[in-house]
């Protein structure tokens, strides 16, 4: 029940932010630099940013710059490009936050609890003690200071030469 209330709260915040922008998609507004975000990596096709409502320290999102409501609407080649970034970004996140593991998540549709209808992949660092009861840790609102500090750490571990521009 706590998790449901938490997502309900976050959905209300997303709704408020999108009402402030000219677009109906918060991620499109971020891509167009209409809303603030903490950047980790960017190229012509994708943006990697810190989740401002993280499940854990280092929770990062990979989003395509082109808008697709869900993965089924995204061309297969672009899906491959999106997922080729996951291990590259995860390799930089894990040592930055000293994670013991990580989850990769991608939700499609309301029934799957997709909060923002724009394809995005979550990389969620996990720690041995973050879930003693076996449930997901609760989301929280992270300060910009915390997000910038973690993003700077990730960037130090991120080796741009590992990003295959031909795939991306």
Protein backbone atom coordinates (compact mmCIF):
# COMPACT_ATOMS: atom_id res chain seq x y z
CA UNK A 1 0.00 0.00 0.00
CA UNK A 2 2.84 2.41 0.79
CA UNK A 3 4.30 1.90 -2.68
CA UNK A 4 0.93 2.67 -4.31
CA UNK A 5 0.59 5.89 -2.33
CA UNK A 6 4.13 6.82 -3.24
CA UNK A 7 3.50 6.36 -7.00
CA UNK A 8 0.22 8.24 -6.72
CA UNK A 9 2.11 11.16 -5.15
CA UNK A 10 4.81 11.09 -7.84
CA UNK A 11 2.19 10.94 -10.61
CA UNK A 12 0.63 14.11 -9.18
CA UNK A 13 4.02 15.86 -9.27
CA UNK A 14 4.60 14.80 -12.89
CA UNK A 15 1.15 16.09 -13.81
CA UNK A 16 1.91 19.48 -12.20
CA UNK A 17 5.21 19.78 -14.05
CA UNK A 18 3.71 18.94 -17.44
CA UNK A 19 0.99 21.54 -16.91
CA UNK A 20 3.76 24.13 -16.56
CA UNK A 21 5.31 23.21 -19.91
CA UNK A 22 3.94 23.73 -23.42
CA UNK A 23 4.16 20.04 -24.26
CA UNK A 24 2.17 17.21 -22.75
CA UNK A 25 5.32 15.11 -22.23
CA UNK A 26 7.69 15.95 -19.39
CA UNK A 27 10.57 14.06 -21.05
CA UNK A 28 10.07 15.94 -24.34
CA UNK A 29 10.22 19.18 -22.34
CA UNK A 30 13.46 17.98 -20.73
CA UNK A 31 14.95 17.02 -24.12
CA UNK A 32 14.04 20.51 -25.41
CA UNK A 33 15.67 22.02 -22.27
CA UNK A 34 12.37 23.56 -21.12
CA UNK A 35 12.62 21.88 -17.72
CA UNK A 36 15.65 21.47 -15.48
CA UNK A 37 17.36 18.09 -15.19
CA UNK A 38 20.68 16.66 -14.08
CA UNK A 39 22.55 15.39 -17.13
CA UNK A 40 24.77 12.31 -17.05
CA UNK A 41 25.30 11.72 -20.79
CA UNK A 42 23.87 13.03 -24.04
CA UNK A 43 24.31 12.31 -27.72
CA UNK A 44 22.22 12.98 -30.84
CA UNK A 45 19.68 10.28 -30.01
CA UNK A 46 19.60 9.71 -26.24
CA UNK A 47 19.71 11.55 -22.97
CA UNK A 48 20.79 9.98 -19.68
CA UNK A 49 19.68 11.83 -16.57
CA UNK A 50 19.31 11.40 -12.84
CA UNK A 51 15.83 10.42 -11.65
CA UNK A 52 14.68 13.24 -9.37
CA UNK A 53 12.40 10.79 -7.51
CA UNK A 54 14.94 7.99 -7.04
CA UNK A 55 14.30 4.56 -5.60
CA UNK A 56 17.98 4.54 -4.56
CA UNK A 57 21.11 6.70 -4.81
CA UNK A 58 22.24 6.72 -8.43
CA UNK A 59 18.84 5.88 -9.97
CA UNK A 60 19.31 6.95 -13.58
CA UNK A 61 17.05 7.15 -16.64
CA UNK A 62 17.96 6.59 -20.28
CA UNK A 63 15.48 8.23 -22.65
CA UNK A 64 15.34 8.48 -26.43
CA UNK A 65 15.15 12.05 -27.68
CA UNK A 66 12.42 11.01 -30.13
CA UNK A 67 9.06 10.53 -28.45
CA UNK A 68 7.55 7.04 -28.32
CA UNK A 69 4.74 6.34 -25.88
CA UNK A 70 5.93 2.77 -25.33
CA UNK A 71 8.51 0.28 -26.49
CA UNK A 72 6.14 -1.35 -29.02
CA UNK A 73 5.98 1.92 -30.97
CA UNK A 74 9.76 2.34 -31.10
CA UNK A 75 11.66 1.03 -34.14
CA UNK A 76 13.60 -2.14 -33.28
CA UNK A 77 16.94 -0.62 -34.27
CA UNK A 78 16.39 2.26 -31.83
CA UNK A 79 15.40 -0.19 -29.08
CA UNK A 80 18.74 -1.93 -29.64
CA UNK A 81 20.56 1.39 -29.47
CA UNK A 82 18.73 2.30 -26.26
CA UNK A 83 19.62 -0.96 -24.56
CA UNK A 84 23.23 -0.84 -25.78
CA UNK A 85 23.68 2.14 -23.45
CA UNK A 86 22.47 0.23 -20.37
CA UNK A 87 25.68 -1.70 -19.54
CA UNK A 88 27.86 1.32 -20.34
CA UNK A 89 25.93 3.57 -17.95
CA UNK A 90 25.52 0.83 -15.31
CA UNK A 91 29.30 0.21 -15.31
CA UNK A 92 29.75 3.86 -14.32
CA UNK A 93 26.91 3.97 -11.77
CA UNK A 94 27.86 0.89 -9.72
CA UNK A 95 31.32 2.08 -8.58
CA UNK A 96 30.12 5.67 -8.13
CA UNK A 97 27.53 4.75 -5.51
CA UNK A 98 29.29 1.54 -4.39
CA UNK A 99 26.23 -0.54 -5.29
CA UNK A 100 26.09 -4.29 -4.67
CA UNK A 101 23.96 -4.82 -7.78
CA UNK A 102 21.37 -3.06 -9.93
CA UNK A 103 17.96 -3.50 -11.53
CA UNK A 104 17.07 -2.51 -15.08
CA UNK A 105 13.42 -1.59 -15.50
CA UNK A 106 11.23 -0.50 -18.38
CA UNK A 107 7.45 -0.14 -17.96
CA UNK A 108 4.94 -0.01 -20.81
CA UNK A 109 1.39 1.20 -20.25
CA UNK A 110 -0.68 2.20 -17.26
CA UNK A 111 -1.18 -1.42 -16.14
CA UNK A 112 2.62 -1.77 -15.94
CA UNK A 113 2.81 1.42 -13.85
CA UNK A 114 4.37 3.55 -16.59
CA UNK A 115 4.15 7.02 -15.07
CA UNK A 116 5.53 9.06 -17.99
CA UNK A 117 4.26 7.96 -21.43
CA UNK A 118 7.66 8.32 -23.10
CA UNK A 119 9.96 5.29 -23.41
CA UNK A 120 12.62 5.27 -20.71
CA UNK A 121 14.84 2.71 -19.03
CA UNK A 122 15.56 2.82 -15.30
CA UNK A 123 18.94 1.75 -13.94
CA UNK A 124 18.39 1.33 -10.21
CA UNK A 125 21.41 0.62 -8.02
CA UNK A 126 20.74 -1.91 -5.26
CA UNK A 127 22.45 -2.41 -1.94
CA UNK A 128 22.58 -5.50 0.27
CA UNK A 129 20.70 -3.71 3.05
CA UNK A 130 18.21 -1.64 1.01
CA UNK A 131 15.31 -4.07 1.23
CA UNK A 132 15.24 -6.16 4.40
CA UNK A 133 11.60 -7.12 3.79
CA UNK A 134 12.11 -7.98 0.11
CA UNK A 135 10.10 -4.99 -1.15
CA UNK A 136 11.28 -2.12 -3.33
CA UNK A 137 12.76 0.76 -1.37
CA UNK A 138 10.49 3.83 -1.25
CA UNK A 139 10.97 6.62 -3.75
CA UNK A 140 11.93 10.01 -2.40
CA UNK A 141 12.61 13.51 -3.66
CA UNK A 142 16.36 14.03 -4.13
CA UNK A 143 18.03 17.42 -3.81
CA UNK A 144 19.68 18.92 -6.89
CA UNK A 145 22.93 19.04 -4.91
CA UNK A 146 22.81 15.27 -4.30
CA UNK A 147 21.91 14.54 -7.93
CA UNK A 148 24.70 16.76 -9.31
CA UNK A 149 27.25 15.15 -6.99
CA UNK A 150 26.28 11.62 -8.07
CA UNK A 151 26.10 12.64 -11.77
CA UNK A 152 29.62 14.08 -11.55
CA UNK A 153 30.83 10.78 -10.06
CA UNK A 154 29.14 8.77 -12.81
CA UNK A 155 30.70 10.99 -15.48
CA UNK A 156 34.17 10.34 -14.02
CA UNK A 157 33.64 6.58 -14.47
CA UNK A 158 31.91 6.94 -17.83
CA UNK A 159 34.34 6.26 -20.62
CA UNK A 160 32.99 8.01 -23.73
CA UNK A 161 35.16 5.81 -25.94
CA UNK A 162 33.04 2.82 -24.86
CA UNK A 163 29.95 4.41 -26.36
CA UNK A 164 29.77 2.97 -29.85
CA UNK A 165 28.55 5.89 -31.94
CA UNK A 166 27.78 3.52 -34.82
CA UNK A 167 25.22 1.71 -32.65
CA UNK A 168 23.90 4.84 -31.00
